[in-house]
Amino acid sequence: MRLAFSAGIGGLLFGYDTGVISGALLYIRDDFKSVEKKTWLQETIVSMAVAGAIIGAAIGGWMNDKFGRKKSILVADFLFFVGAIIMAFAPTPVVIIIGRIFVGLGVGMASMTSPLYISEASPARIRGALVSTNGLLITGGQFLSYLINLAFTKTPGTWRWMLGVAGIPALLQFILMLSLPESPRWLYRQNKVDEARDILEKIYSAEEVEEEIKALQLSIEHEKAEEASIGGDTFSKLKNAWRNKVVRRGLYAGITVQVAQQFVGINTVMYYSPTIVQLAGFASNKTALALSLVTSGLNAVGSIVSMATVDRYGRRKLMIISMIGIIICLLALTVVFQQSSVHSPSVSRTESTHFSGNSTCSSYLTASDASSWNCMTCLKASSECGFCASEPNIYHPGACLAANDATKGACGAEHRVWYTKGCPSKIGGLAVALLGLYIILYSPGMGTVPWIVNSEIYPLRYRGVGGGIAAVSNWCSNLLVSETFLTLTETIGSGGTFLLFAGISFLGLIAIYFLVPETKGLPFEEVEKMLEKGFRPSICSKRKDVNKTDVNPA
């Protein structure tokens, strides 16, 4: 447990970075007007950590096999700490982006190394639960980031503190990892049999240790015999991975679940949660952060549920149930955001000219159809327009004004609410509730299980490289989603964006059903044998029957 939670701090770092930028971005926009006006710059600040993570995951796969799991985690901690310091003292958006890249390198390495390290030092019977601690700490890190975001909303240098605090858990893990052992499986692979045995004796009973050692010996002898013919360097492994049907089938499953995890849209909720809440009609930064805290807390609760169920009900079943629930929630969110857009408050010319003549949005003044404008039309017309809600009823016709500090201040001086991201909505609360339900359904299944599957589905020889390939696919998908989300909401609307995610999620559900086998409770050697025989899904068959069926060669 000490090892699992110490290594799992890598998951905490992963989660903290995912959550903290969502709140920090609100205040970075306030400090740098160039960020406020340019959607692509906001997306770049968010997604450069993901770009760094892609490189980090790729390097991490090689480092895991070459230098071991422990040293890889130590390097990840160093990179994360440096990135946090750079961001805290960043004088310009460009320096923030550089810091985000450093943080991303650390996150990418930790995202694949921590669950791998935990799984290789865990008994098969509780391996899923212990690897789930990594997922629990990911969601715990997200929840912690929202708490810290709220804590610093009134502090000078808001976003600097939010981003800089991330260096503390990285430093803590670095210190803890110095006292922990290397992975026993990696040690045995390096012919350090006595060291591996000493560690296994702390995990298994005496009889189980001997069984584990024998299984490792047989597996590694077989792998070394294969390596003699294909070469043992990383390039050779990558070159030959697809030629090996066991590894290839493992990669089909591993990449499928990692890509599906991102294309359900989860990190749009995590990275842009306060922004989504504002799109739902809650204008205040603090209110948006507070409501986002609820969704993050539900994510953490879902991870606890995963720990209690993943070894009882199985990986495959949890993911399928999770995907079905996610699709339903995304379709419901599509309807809610669409209705919210259609029924947003109208724009009144009287209200719009109530302030000084220069305060009215120029696009509204020159529009031929200005009489049909509503709040959403105003906001979509130009990034230079904002909506000043009516007082005392925010749902009555309001004003379409030029978006600058002067008009924002004039709007606030009359105790009105200023909107630039979303519009007043009577069903905004329903959108937040659906986001919460989406998180509840996502977290126990697609939130944690893909990392568990990837920690146990590859042969030992290819585990580092296979996990690296799958992690890179995860981060590439993450990059695509996070780099395009705000642009999509501006182009096709929030409702259209969630509908797009629902369609992609349906394709992901089909892929999981046909490509991902059940690995619950199986020793690593049995997983390899099961992939060797092949897998064909069956709704009615029991697991032992499914694992024994053949599949058309891929």
Protein backbone atom coordinates (compact mmCIF):
# COMPACT_ATOMS: atom_id res chain seq x y z
CA MET A 1 0.00 0.00 0.00
CA ARG A 2 2.88 2.38 0.78
CA LEU A 3 4.42 1.65 -2.60
CA ALA A 4 1.08 2.05 -4.40
CA PHE A 5 0.29 5.41 -2.83
CA SER A 6 3.84 6.74 -3.16
CA ALA A 7 4.02 5.82 -6.85
CA GLY A 8 0.44 6.97 -7.27
CA ILE A 9 1.48 10.56 -6.53
CA GLY A 10 2.39 10.53 -10.22
CA GLY A 11 -1.34 10.19 -10.78
CA LEU A 12 -1.93 13.07 -8.36
CA LEU A 13 0.40 15.25 -10.46
CA PHE A 14 -1.43 14.16 -13.61
CA GLY A 15 -4.80 15.04 -12.07
CA TYR A 16 -3.64 18.31 -10.53
CA ASP A 17 -2.31 19.58 -13.84
CA THR A 18 -5.52 18.54 -15.61
CA GLY A 19 -7.69 20.41 -13.14
CA VAL A 20 -5.62 23.46 -12.20
CA ILE A 21 -5.33 24.92 -15.69
CA SER A 22 -9.13 25.08 -16.01
CA GLY A 23 -9.33 27.61 -13.18
CA ALA A 24 -6.01 29.33 -13.80
CA LEU A 25 -7.05 30.03 -17.40
CA LEU A 26 -9.88 32.28 -16.20
CA TYR A 27 -7.38 34.56 -14.47
CA ILE A 28 -4.66 34.29 -17.12
CA ARG A 29 -7.28 35.69 -19.53
CA ASP A 30 -7.83 38.61 -17.16
CA ASP A 31 -4.09 39.38 -16.84
CA PHE A 32 -3.20 39.01 -20.53
CA LYS A 33 -5.66 40.60 -22.96
CA SER A 34 -4.00 38.78 -25.87
CA VAL A 35 -5.12 35.51 -24.26
CA GLU A 36 -8.64 36.86 -23.70
CA LYS A 37 -9.04 37.83 -27.36
CA LYS A 38 -7.42 34.79 -29.00
CA THR A 39 -9.13 31.41 -28.61
CA TRP A 40 -6.17 29.60 -30.18
CA LEU A 41 -3.83 31.03 -27.52
CA GLN A 42 -6.08 29.73 -24.73
CA GLU A 43 -6.15 26.32 -26.39
CA THR A 44 -2.37 26.37 -26.79
CA ILE A 45 -1.75 27.18 -23.12
CA VAL A 46 -3.95 24.22 -22.18
CA SER A 47 -2.76 21.78 -24.81
CA MET A 48 1.02 22.35 -24.74
CA ALA A 49 1.16 20.28 -21.57
CA VAL A 50 -0.50 17.53 -23.60
CA ALA A 51 2.05 17.97 -26.41
CA GLY A 52 4.83 17.62 -23.82
CA ALA A 53 3.10 14.55 -22.42
CA ILE A 54 3.17 12.88 -25.84
CA ILE A 55 6.95 13.21 -25.93
CA GLY A 56 7.20 12.27 -22.25
CA ALA A 57 5.16 9.10 -22.74
CA ALA A 58 7.26 8.09 -25.75
CA ILE A 59 10.53 8.67 -23.87
CA GLY A 60 9.03 7.04 -20.78
CA GLY A 61 8.46 3.76 -22.59
CA TRP A 62 12.13 3.60 -23.54
CA MET A 63 13.32 4.75 -20.08
CA ASN A 64 11.15 2.15 -18.36
CA ASP A 65 12.84 -0.68 -20.19
CA LYS A 66 16.35 0.80 -20.13
CA PHE A 67 16.68 2.33 -16.66
CA GLY A 68 13.75 0.91 -14.71
CA ARG A 69 10.44 2.16 -13.39
CA LYS A 70 11.80 3.93 -10.29
CA LYS A 71 14.32 6.15 -12.11
CA SER A 72 11.71 7.07 -14.69
CA ILE A 73 9.40 8.35 -11.95
CA LEU A 74 12.24 10.37 -10.37
CA VAL A 75 13.00 12.06 -13.71
CA ALA A 76 9.28 12.81 -14.17
CA ASP A 77 9.16 14.50 -10.75
CA PHE A 78 12.16 16.70 -11.61
CA LEU A 79 10.61 17.84 -14.88
CA PHE A 80 7.27 18.58 -13.25
CA PHE A 81 8.91 20.62 -10.48
CA VAL A 82 10.91 22.72 -12.97
CA GLY A 83 7.78 23.34 -15.06
CA ALA A 84 5.78 24.48 -12.02
CA ILE A 85 8.46 27.02 -11.07
CA ILE A 86 8.68 28.38 -14.64
CA MET A 87 4.90 28.90 -14.79
CA ALA A 88 4.74 30.57 -11.37
CA PHE A 89 7.19 33.28 -12.45
CA ALA A 90 6.14 33.56 -16.11
CA PRO A 91 6.13 37.20 -17.33
CA THR A 92 4.38 36.44 -20.65
CA PRO A 93 2.01 33.82 -22.13
CA VAL A 94 4.94 32.35 -24.11
CA VAL A 95 6.82 31.54 -20.88
CA ILE A 96 3.66 29.94 -19.45
CA ILE A 97 3.56 27.72 -22.54
CA ILE A 98 7.23 26.72 -22.01
CA GLY A 99 6.45 25.79 -18.40
CA ARG A 100 3.43 23.79 -19.58
CA ILE A 101 5.68 21.78 -21.91
CA PHE A 102 8.02 20.88 -19.02
CA VAL A 103 5.06 19.86 -16.87
CA GLY A 104 3.70 17.82 -19.77
CA LEU A 105 6.96 15.90 -20.15
CA GLY A 106 6.73 14.88 -16.49
CA VAL A 107 3.04 14.05 -16.66
CA GLY A 108 3.51 11.92 -19.79
CA MET A 109 6.27 9.85 -18.19
CA ALA A 110 4.37 9.46 -14.91
CA SER A 111 1.06 8.60 -16.61
CA MET A 112 2.41 5.33 -17.98
CA THR A 113 5.12 4.55 -15.43
CA SER A 114 3.15 4.82 -12.18
CA PRO A 115 0.43 2.22 -13.03
CA LEU A 116 3.07 -0.08 -14.55
CA TYR A 117 5.25 0.15 -11.44
CA ILE A 118 2.30 -0.50 -9.12
CA SER A 119 0.98 -3.44 -11.17
CA GLU A 120 4.36 -5.20 -11.23
CA ALA A 121 4.64 -5.02 -7.46
CA SER A 122 1.07 -6.14 -6.72
CA PRO A 123 -0.41 -9.63 -6.19
CA ALA A 124 -2.69 -10.63 -9.07
CA ARG A 125 -5.74 -10.95 -6.79
CA ILE A 126 -5.68 -7.26 -5.78
CA ARG A 127 -3.68 -5.83 -8.68
CA GLY A 128 -6.66 -4.02 -10.19
CA ALA A 129 -7.57 -2.34 -6.90
CA LEU A 130 -4.00 -1.19 -6.24
CA VAL A 131 -3.54 0.15 -9.77
CA SER A 132 -6.85 1.93 -9.24
CA THR A 133 -5.15 3.94 -6.47
CA ASN A 134 -3.35 5.67 -9.32
CA GLY A 135 -6.72 6.53 -10.84
CA LEU A 136 -8.03 7.59 -7.42
CA LEU A 137 -5.09 9.95 -6.98
CA ILE A 138 -5.62 11.34 -10.50
CA THR A 139 -9.16 12.34 -9.56
CA GLY A 140 -7.98 13.36 -6.09
CA GLY A 141 -5.45 15.65 -7.75
CA GLN A 142 -8.19 17.17 -9.87
CA PHE A 143 -10.35 17.78 -6.80
CA LEU A 144 -7.38 19.27 -4.92
CA SER A 145 -6.64 21.60 -7.83
CA TYR A 146 -10.18 23.04 -7.72
CA LEU A 147 -9.91 23.57 -3.96
CA ILE A 148 -6.61 25.39 -4.44
CA ASN A 149 -8.06 27.40 -7.32
CA LEU A 150 -10.88 28.56 -5.04
CA ALA A 151 -8.44 29.30 -2.21
CA PHE A 152 -6.39 31.67 -4.37
CA THR A 153 -9.23 33.53 -6.14
CA LYS A 154 -8.77 36.58 -3.89
CA THR A 155 -4.98 36.33 -3.56
CA PRO A 156 -2.68 38.66 -5.56
CA GLY A 157 -1.08 36.63 -8.36
CA THR A 158 -4.00 34.16 -8.40
CA TRP A 159 -2.98 31.92 -11.29
CA ARG A 160 0.74 32.03 -10.36
CA TRP A 161 -0.02 30.40 -7.01
CA MET A 162 -2.40 27.92 -8.61
CA LEU A 163 0.26 26.70 -11.05
CA GLY A 164 3.27 27.02 -8.73
CA VAL A 165 1.83 24.89 -5.92
CA ALA A 166 2.04 21.90 -8.28
CA GLY A 167 5.76 21.65 -7.50
CA ILE A 168 5.06 20.50 -3.91
CA PRO A 169 3.65 16.99 -4.64
CA ALA A 170 6.40 16.46 -7.25
CA LEU A 171 9.05 17.18 -4.61
CA LEU A 172 7.23 14.94 -2.10
CA GLN A 173 7.12 11.99 -4.50
CA PHE A 174 10.78 12.44 -5.40
CA ILE A 175 11.71 12.09 -1.71
CA LEU A 176 9.40 9.10 -1.11
CA MET A 177 10.57 7.23 -4.21
CA LEU A 178 14.19 7.35 -3.01
CA SER A 179 13.23 4.90 -0.24
CA LEU A 180 11.22 2.51 -2.42
CA PRO A 181 12.54 -0.53 -4.37
CA GLU A 182 12.65 -1.05 -8.11
CA SER A 183 10.01 -3.22 -9.82
CA PRO A 184 10.75 -6.90 -9.05
CA ARG A 185 9.85 -7.92 -12.59
CA TRP A 186 12.24 -5.40 -14.10
CA LEU A 187 14.99 -6.49 -11.67
CA TYR A 188 14.52 -10.13 -12.62
CA ARG A 189 14.70 -9.12 -16.25
CA GLN A 190 18.08 -7.51 -15.51
CA ASN A 191 19.32 -10.76 -13.89
CA LYS A 192 19.10 -9.26 -10.38
CA VAL A 193 17.28 -12.31 -9.11
CA ASP A 194 18.13 -11.95 -5.41
CA GLU A 195 16.91 -8.35 -5.32
CA ALA A 196 13.70 -9.36 -7.09
CA ARG A 197 13.16 -12.24 -4.65
CA ASP A 198 13.62 -9.95 -1.62
CA ILE A 199 10.88 -7.65 -2.90
CA LEU A 200 8.53 -10.50 -3.86
CA GLU A 201 8.87 -11.95 -0.35
CA LYS A 202 7.28 -8.79 1.00
CA ILE A 203 4.31 -9.20 -1.35
CA TYR A 204 3.63 -12.96 -1.51
CA SER A 205 3.68 -15.90 0.90
CA ALA A 206 6.68 -18.25 0.70
CA GLU A 207 4.84 -20.69 -1.57
CA GLU A 208 3.60 -17.94 -3.85
CA VAL A 209 7.09 -16.44 -4.13
CA GLU A 210 8.43 -19.67 -5.60
CA GLU A 211 5.52 -19.91 -8.02
CA GLU A 212 6.05 -16.29 -9.07
CA ILE A 213 9.80 -16.80 -9.54
CA LYS A 214 9.19 -19.90 -11.67
CA ALA A 215 6.61 -18.07 -13.79
CA LEU A 216 9.00 -15.16 -14.28
CA GLN A 217 11.84 -17.51 -15.18
CA LEU A 218 9.82 -19.33 -17.84
CA SER A 219 8.44 -16.09 -19.27
CA ILE A 220 11.82 -14.34 -19.45
CA GLU A 221 13.62 -17.38 -20.89
CA HIS A 222 11.04 -17.47 -23.66
CA GLU A 223 11.38 -13.72 -24.25
CA LYS A 224 15.18 -13.81 -24.34
CA ALA A 225 15.06 -16.61 -26.88
CA GLU A 226 12.83 -14.43 -29.07
CA GLU A 227 15.03 -11.37 -28.54
CA ALA A 228 18.04 -13.29 -29.79
CA SER A 229 16.33 -13.48 -33.15
CA ILE A 230 14.66 -10.05 -33.33
CA GLY A 231 17.05 -7.81 -31.36
CA GLY A 232 16.49 -6.20 -27.97
CA ASP A 233 16.72 -2.48 -28.69
CA THR A 234 13.66 -0.21 -28.68
CA PHE A 235 13.60 0.28 -32.44
CA SER A 236 13.63 -3.47 -33.01
CA LYS A 237 10.78 -3.89 -30.54
CA LEU A 238 8.72 -1.24 -32.28
CA LYS A 239 9.52 -2.77 -35.65
CA ASN A 240 8.59 -6.27 -34.56
CA ALA A 241 5.69 -5.47 -32.19
CA TRP A 242 3.15 -5.60 -35.01
CA ARG A 243 4.63 -8.86 -36.30
CA ASN A 244 3.95 -10.55 -32.98
CA LYS A 245 0.25 -11.43 -32.81
CA VAL A 246 0.19 -11.38 -28.98
CA VAL A 247 1.63 -7.87 -28.83
CA ARG A 248 -0.46 -6.75 -31.77
CA ARG A 249 -3.69 -7.93 -30.15
CA GLY A 250 -2.60 -6.34 -26.89
CA LEU A 251 -2.00 -3.05 -28.70
CA TYR A 252 -5.39 -3.27 -30.40
CA ALA A 253 -6.99 -3.42 -26.96
CA GLY A 254 -4.63 -0.99 -25.23
CA ILE A 255 -4.80 1.73 -27.89
CA THR A 256 -8.56 1.33 -28.28
CA VAL A 257 -9.32 2.01 -24.62
CA GLN A 258 -6.85 4.90 -24.40
CA VAL A 259 -8.20 6.67 -27.48
CA ALA A 260 -11.81 6.05 -26.41
CA GLN A 261 -11.03 7.51 -22.98
CA GLN A 262 -10.14 10.85 -24.58
CA PHE A 263 -12.73 11.01 -27.34
CA VAL A 264 -15.63 10.74 -24.92
CA GLY A 265 -14.62 14.35 -24.21
CA ILE A 266 -13.58 13.95 -20.59
CA ASN A 267 -10.66 16.34 -20.71
CA THR A 268 -12.77 19.07 -22.23
CA VAL A 269 -14.73 18.82 -18.97
CA MET A 270 -11.54 18.70 -16.88
CA TYR A 271 -9.53 21.36 -18.76
CA TYR A 272 -12.44 23.67 -19.50
CA SER A 273 -14.93 22.82 -16.73
CA PRO A 274 -15.35 26.40 -15.44
CA THR A 275 -15.63 27.63 -19.04
CA ILE A 276 -18.34 25.04 -19.75
CA VAL A 277 -20.17 26.15 -16.60
CA GLN A 278 -19.97 29.74 -17.90
CA LEU A 279 -21.32 28.53 -21.26
CA ALA A 280 -24.25 27.09 -19.29
CA GLY A 281 -25.06 30.58 -18.01
CA PHE A 282 -23.02 31.14 -14.82
CA ALA A 283 -20.94 34.26 -15.48
CA SER A 284 -18.93 34.60 -12.25
CA ASN A 285 -15.43 33.08 -12.21
CA LYS A 286 -15.82 32.08 -8.57
CA THR A 287 -19.24 30.50 -9.16
CA ALA A 288 -17.88 28.60 -12.16
CA LEU A 289 -14.98 27.28 -10.05
CA ALA A 290 -17.29 26.30 -7.18
CA LEU A 291 -19.63 24.34 -9.46
CA SER A 292 -16.66 22.72 -11.17
CA LEU A 293 -15.51 21.55 -7.74
CA VAL A 294 -18.68 19.45 -7.53
CA THR A 295 -17.94 17.61 -10.78
CA SER A 296 -14.33 17.05 -9.71
CA GLY A 297 -15.46 15.65 -6.35
CA LEU A 298 -17.79 13.23 -8.12
CA ASN A 299 -14.85 12.10 -10.24
CA ALA A 300 -12.91 11.23 -7.08
CA VAL A 301 -15.88 9.32 -5.67
CA GLY A 302 -16.14 7.37 -8.92
CA SER A 303 -12.52 6.29 -8.58
CA ILE A 304 -13.26 4.84 -5.14
CA VAL A 305 -16.16 2.91 -6.69
CA SER A 306 -13.74 1.60 -9.32
CA MET A 307 -11.35 0.30 -6.64
CA ALA A 308 -14.21 -1.61 -5.03
CA THR A 309 -15.61 -3.11 -8.23
CA VAL A 310 -12.86 -3.55 -10.83
CA ASP A 311 -11.61 -6.89 -9.43
CA ARG A 312 -15.15 -8.09 -8.72
CA TYR A 313 -16.98 -7.29 -11.94
CA GLY A 314 -14.10 -7.07 -14.39
CA ARG A 315 -12.47 -4.46 -16.61
CA ARG A 316 -14.46 -5.08 -19.78
CA LYS A 317 -17.93 -4.95 -18.19
CA LEU A 318 -17.19 -1.71 -16.33
CA MET A 319 -15.96 -0.01 -19.52
CA ILE A 320 -18.98 -1.07 -21.60
CA ILE A 321 -21.48 0.09 -18.95
CA SER A 322 -19.53 3.33 -18.56
CA MET A 323 -19.55 4.03 -22.32
CA ILE A 324 -23.31 3.48 -22.62
CA GLY A 325 -23.95 5.93 -19.77
CA ILE A 326 -21.54 8.48 -21.24
CA ILE A 327 -23.28 8.42 -24.63
CA ILE A 328 -26.68 9.00 -22.99
CA CYS A 329 -25.35 11.96 -20.98
CA LEU A 330 -23.66 13.53 -24.02
CA LEU A 331 -26.90 13.33 -26.01
CA ALA A 332 -28.79 14.94 -23.11
CA LEU A 333 -26.18 17.71 -22.87
CA THR A 334 -26.58 18.30 -26.60
CA VAL A 335 -30.30 18.97 -26.14
CA VAL A 336 -29.82 21.17 -23.06
CA PHE A 337 -27.18 23.42 -24.63
CA GLN A 338 -29.14 23.65 -27.86
CA GLN A 339 -32.30 24.74 -26.02
CA SER A 340 -30.31 27.14 -23.85
CA SER A 341 -28.92 28.80 -26.99
CA VAL A 342 -32.30 29.08 -28.72
CA HIS A 343 -34.08 30.52 -25.68
CA SER A 344 -31.42 32.96 -24.48
CA PRO A 345 -32.63 36.51 -23.58
CA SER A 346 -33.24 38.85 -26.50
CA VAL A 347 -31.25 42.02 -27.15
CA SER A 348 -33.06 45.32 -26.65
CA ARG A 349 -31.99 48.42 -28.59
CA THR A 350 -33.20 50.57 -25.71
CA GLU A 351 -31.05 48.62 -23.26
CA SER A 352 -28.09 48.62 -25.66
CA THR A 353 -28.19 52.42 -26.09
CA HIS A 354 -28.90 52.98 -22.40
CA PHE A 355 -25.15 53.30 -21.90
CA SER A 356 -23.08 55.81 -23.90
CA GLY A 357 -23.33 55.56 -27.70
CA ASN A 358 -19.78 54.27 -28.03
CA SER A 359 -20.56 51.41 -25.65
CA THR A 360 -22.93 49.57 -27.99
CA CYS A 361 -21.43 46.69 -29.97
CA SER A 362 -20.68 47.92 -33.51
CA SER A 363 -21.79 44.59 -35.07
CA TYR A 364 -25.23 45.03 -33.48
CA LEU A 365 -25.57 48.63 -34.68
CA THR A 366 -24.81 47.70 -38.30
CA ALA A 367 -26.78 44.42 -38.41
CA SER A 368 -29.82 44.40 -40.72
CA ASP A 369 -31.57 41.83 -38.52
CA ALA A 370 -30.71 43.44 -35.17
CA SER A 371 -34.34 43.20 -34.02
CA SER A 372 -34.10 39.38 -34.00
CA TRP A 373 -30.84 39.23 -32.01
CA ASN A 374 -30.61 37.43 -28.70
CA CYS A 375 -27.75 37.06 -26.22
CA MET A 376 -26.17 34.15 -28.09
CA THR A 377 -26.33 36.02 -31.42
CA CYS A 378 -24.54 38.93 -29.75
CA LEU A 379 -21.72 36.78 -28.35
CA LYS A 380 -21.23 34.86 -31.60
CA ALA A 381 -21.26 37.98 -33.78
CA SER A 382 -17.82 39.08 -32.65
CA SER A 383 -15.27 38.52 -29.88
CA GLU A 384 -15.61 42.30 -29.38
CA CYS A 385 -19.21 41.93 -28.10
CA GLY A 386 -20.51 41.14 -24.63
CA PHE A 387 -24.00 40.86 -23.11
CA CYS A 388 -25.10 42.97 -20.14
CA ALA A 389 -28.11 41.25 -18.55
CA SER A 390 -31.22 43.11 -17.46
CA GLU A 391 -31.72 44.09 -13.83
CA PRO A 392 -33.40 42.76 -11.72
CA ASN A 393 -34.47 39.86 -14.02
CA ILE A 394 -31.52 38.50 -16.03
CA TYR A 395 -33.91 36.64 -18.36
CA HIS A 396 -35.49 39.86 -19.66
CA PRO A 397 -34.05 41.62 -22.77
CA GLY A 398 -30.54 42.96 -22.18
CA ALA A 399 -27.83 45.00 -23.87
CA CYS A 400 -25.28 43.99 -26.55
CA LEU A 401 -22.21 46.07 -25.75
CA ALA A 402 -18.59 46.41 -26.82
CA ALA A 403 -16.47 43.98 -24.78
CA ASN A 404 -13.96 46.14 -22.94
CA ASP A 405 -13.12 47.04 -19.36
CA ALA A 406 -15.07 50.30 -19.48
CA THR A 407 -18.41 48.76 -20.54
CA LYS A 408 -17.88 45.78 -18.24
CA GLY A 409 -17.39 48.23 -15.38
CA ALA A 410 -20.44 50.28 -16.38
CA CYS A 411 -22.55 47.12 -16.52
CA GLY A 412 -21.34 46.06 -13.08
CA ALA A 413 -21.91 49.53 -11.64
CA GLU A 414 -25.65 49.05 -12.26
CA HIS A 415 -25.50 45.67 -10.49
CA ARG A 416 -25.99 43.82 -13.75
CA VAL A 417 -24.28 40.56 -14.77
CA TRP A 418 -21.73 40.65 -17.61
CA TYR A 419 -21.60 37.68 -20.01
CA THR A 420 -18.93 36.89 -22.63
CA LYS A 421 -18.86 33.06 -22.71
CA GLY A 422 -22.48 32.00 -22.24
CA CYS A 423 -25.93 33.48 -21.70
CA PRO A 424 -28.44 33.56 -18.82
CA SER A 425 -30.31 30.26 -18.88
CA LYS A 426 -33.15 28.80 -16.82
CA ILE A 427 -31.83 25.30 -17.53
CA GLY A 428 -28.16 26.02 -16.78
CA GLY A 429 -28.50 24.08 -13.54
CA LEU A 430 -29.64 21.03 -15.51
CA ALA A 431 -26.51 21.26 -17.67
CA VAL A 432 -24.31 21.24 -14.54
CA ALA A 433 -26.30 18.27 -13.14
CA LEU A 434 -25.79 16.35 -16.39
CA LEU A 435 -22.07 17.11 -16.27
CA GLY A 436 -22.04 15.62 -12.77
CA LEU A 437 -23.89 12.48 -13.95
CA TYR A 438 -21.49 12.22 -16.90
CA ILE A 439 -18.55 12.23 -14.46
CA ILE A 440 -20.19 9.62 -12.19
CA LEU A 441 -20.64 7.27 -15.15
CA TYR A 442 -17.20 7.98 -16.61
CA SER A 443 -14.96 7.71 -13.57
CA PRO A 444 -15.44 4.08 -12.37
CA GLY A 445 -15.16 2.71 -15.91
CA MET A 446 -13.43 4.72 -18.59
CA GLY A 447 -11.66 6.88 -16.02
CA THR A 448 -9.45 4.25 -14.40
CA VAL A 449 -9.85 0.96 -16.26
CA PRO A 450 -7.89 1.86 -19.46
CA TRP A 451 -4.75 2.38 -17.36
CA ILE A 452 -5.31 -0.97 -15.61
CA VAL A 453 -5.77 -2.77 -18.94
CA ASN A 454 -2.55 -1.28 -20.31
CA SER A 455 -0.57 -2.24 -17.21
CA GLU A 456 -1.35 -5.95 -17.61
CA ILE A 457 -2.07 -6.80 -21.24
CA TYR A 458 1.44 -6.83 -22.79
CA PRO A 459 4.17 -9.48 -22.51
CA LEU A 460 6.92 -8.40 -20.10
CA ARG A 461 9.43 -7.84 -22.91
CA TYR A 462 7.10 -5.38 -24.63
CA ARG A 463 5.40 -3.93 -21.54
CA GLY A 464 7.35 -0.68 -21.46
CA VAL A 465 7.14 -0.10 -25.21
CA GLY A 466 3.51 -1.26 -25.45
CA GLY A 467 2.46 0.95 -22.56
CA GLY A 468 4.38 3.83 -24.15
CA ILE A 469 2.65 3.41 -27.52
CA ALA A 470 -0.77 3.30 -25.84
CA ALA A 471 0.04 6.30 -23.64
CA VAL A 472 1.20 8.28 -26.69
CA SER A 473 -2.09 7.43 -28.42
CA ASN A 474 -3.92 8.68 -25.31
CA TRP A 475 -2.03 11.95 -25.27
CA CYS A 476 -2.33 12.48 -29.04
CA SER A 477 -6.10 12.08 -28.71
CA ASN A 478 -6.04 14.37 -25.69
CA LEU A 479 -4.10 16.99 -27.67
CA LEU A 480 -6.55 16.88 -30.56
CA VAL A 481 -9.56 17.24 -28.27
CA SER A 482 -8.13 19.98 -26.01
CA GLU A 483 -6.68 21.98 -28.93
CA THR A 484 -10.01 22.08 -30.78
CA PHE A 485 -12.70 22.25 -28.07
CA LEU A 486 -13.07 26.05 -27.79
CA THR A 487 -12.89 26.39 -31.59
CA LEU A 488 -15.60 23.74 -31.97
CA THR A 489 -17.89 25.49 -29.47
CA GLU A 490 -17.48 28.73 -31.43
CA THR A 491 -18.02 27.02 -34.80
CA ILE A 492 -20.80 24.48 -34.21
CA GLY A 493 -21.93 25.52 -30.73
CA SER A 494 -21.75 23.71 -27.40
CA GLY A 495 -24.65 21.43 -28.32
CA GLY A 496 -23.07 20.43 -31.62
CA THR A 497 -19.74 19.76 -29.91
CA PHE A 498 -21.27 17.37 -27.39
CA LEU A 499 -23.23 15.64 -30.17
CA LEU A 500 -19.95 15.09 -32.02
CA PHE A 501 -18.44 13.51 -28.89
CA ALA A 502 -21.51 11.28 -28.53
CA GLY A 503 -21.08 9.96 -32.08
CA ILE A 504 -17.38 9.24 -31.57
CA SER A 505 -18.14 7.58 -28.22
CA PHE A 506 -20.55 5.21 -29.96
CA LEU A 507 -17.76 4.13 -32.30
CA GLY A 508 -15.51 3.67 -29.26
CA LEU A 509 -18.10 1.44 -27.59
CA ILE A 510 -18.21 -0.82 -30.65
CA ALA A 511 -14.40 -1.02 -30.76
CA ILE A 512 -14.16 -1.91 -27.05
CA TYR A 513 -16.77 -4.63 -27.44
CA PHE A 514 -14.92 -6.34 -30.29
CA LEU A 515 -11.26 -5.75 -29.38
CA VAL A 516 -10.87 -5.70 -25.59
CA PRO A 517 -10.79 -9.02 -23.66
CA GLU A 518 -11.32 -9.51 -19.93
CA THR A 519 -8.11 -9.69 -17.83
CA LYS A 520 -9.64 -9.73 -14.36
CA GLY A 521 -7.62 -11.83 -11.90
CA LEU A 522 -5.35 -13.34 -14.56
CA PRO A 523 -1.58 -13.61 -13.93
CA PHE A 524 0.45 -11.84 -16.61
CA GLU A 525 1.45 -15.17 -18.12
CA GLU A 526 -2.21 -16.21 -18.48
CA VAL A 527 -3.04 -12.92 -20.17
CA GLU A 528 -0.32 -13.66 -22.71
CA LYS A 529 -1.69 -17.16 -23.33
CA MET A 530 -5.20 -15.79 -23.73
CA LEU A 531 -4.04 -13.31 -26.38
CA GLU A 532 -2.12 -16.08 -28.12
CA LYS A 533 -5.35 -18.09 -28.50
CA GLY A 534 -7.34 -15.06 -29.57
CA PHE A 535 -10.53 -13.35 -28.43
CA ARG A 536 -14.04 -13.25 -29.86
CA PRO A 537 -16.74 -11.37 -27.92
CA SER A 538 -19.98 -13.07 -26.99
CA ILE A 539 -22.87 -11.58 -25.07
CA CYS A 540 -23.91 -14.92 -23.63
CA SER A 541 -20.60 -16.70 -23.10
CA LYS A 542 -18.82 -16.83 -19.77
CA ARG A 543 -15.32 -15.45 -19.56
CA LYS A 544 -13.54 -18.78 -19.55
CA ASP A 545 -15.34 -19.72 -22.75
CA VAL A 546 -14.62 -16.39 -24.39
CA ASN A 547 -10.94 -16.64 -23.66
CA LYS A 548 -10.74 -20.07 -25.26
CA THR A 549 -12.36 -19.15 -28.55
CA ASP A 550 -10.38 -18.45 -31.67
CA VAL A 551 -10.40 -15.27 -33.68
CA ASN A 552 -9.59 -14.54 -37.28
CA PRO A 553 -5.85 -13.69 -37.47
CA ALA A 554 -5.26 -9.90 -37.49
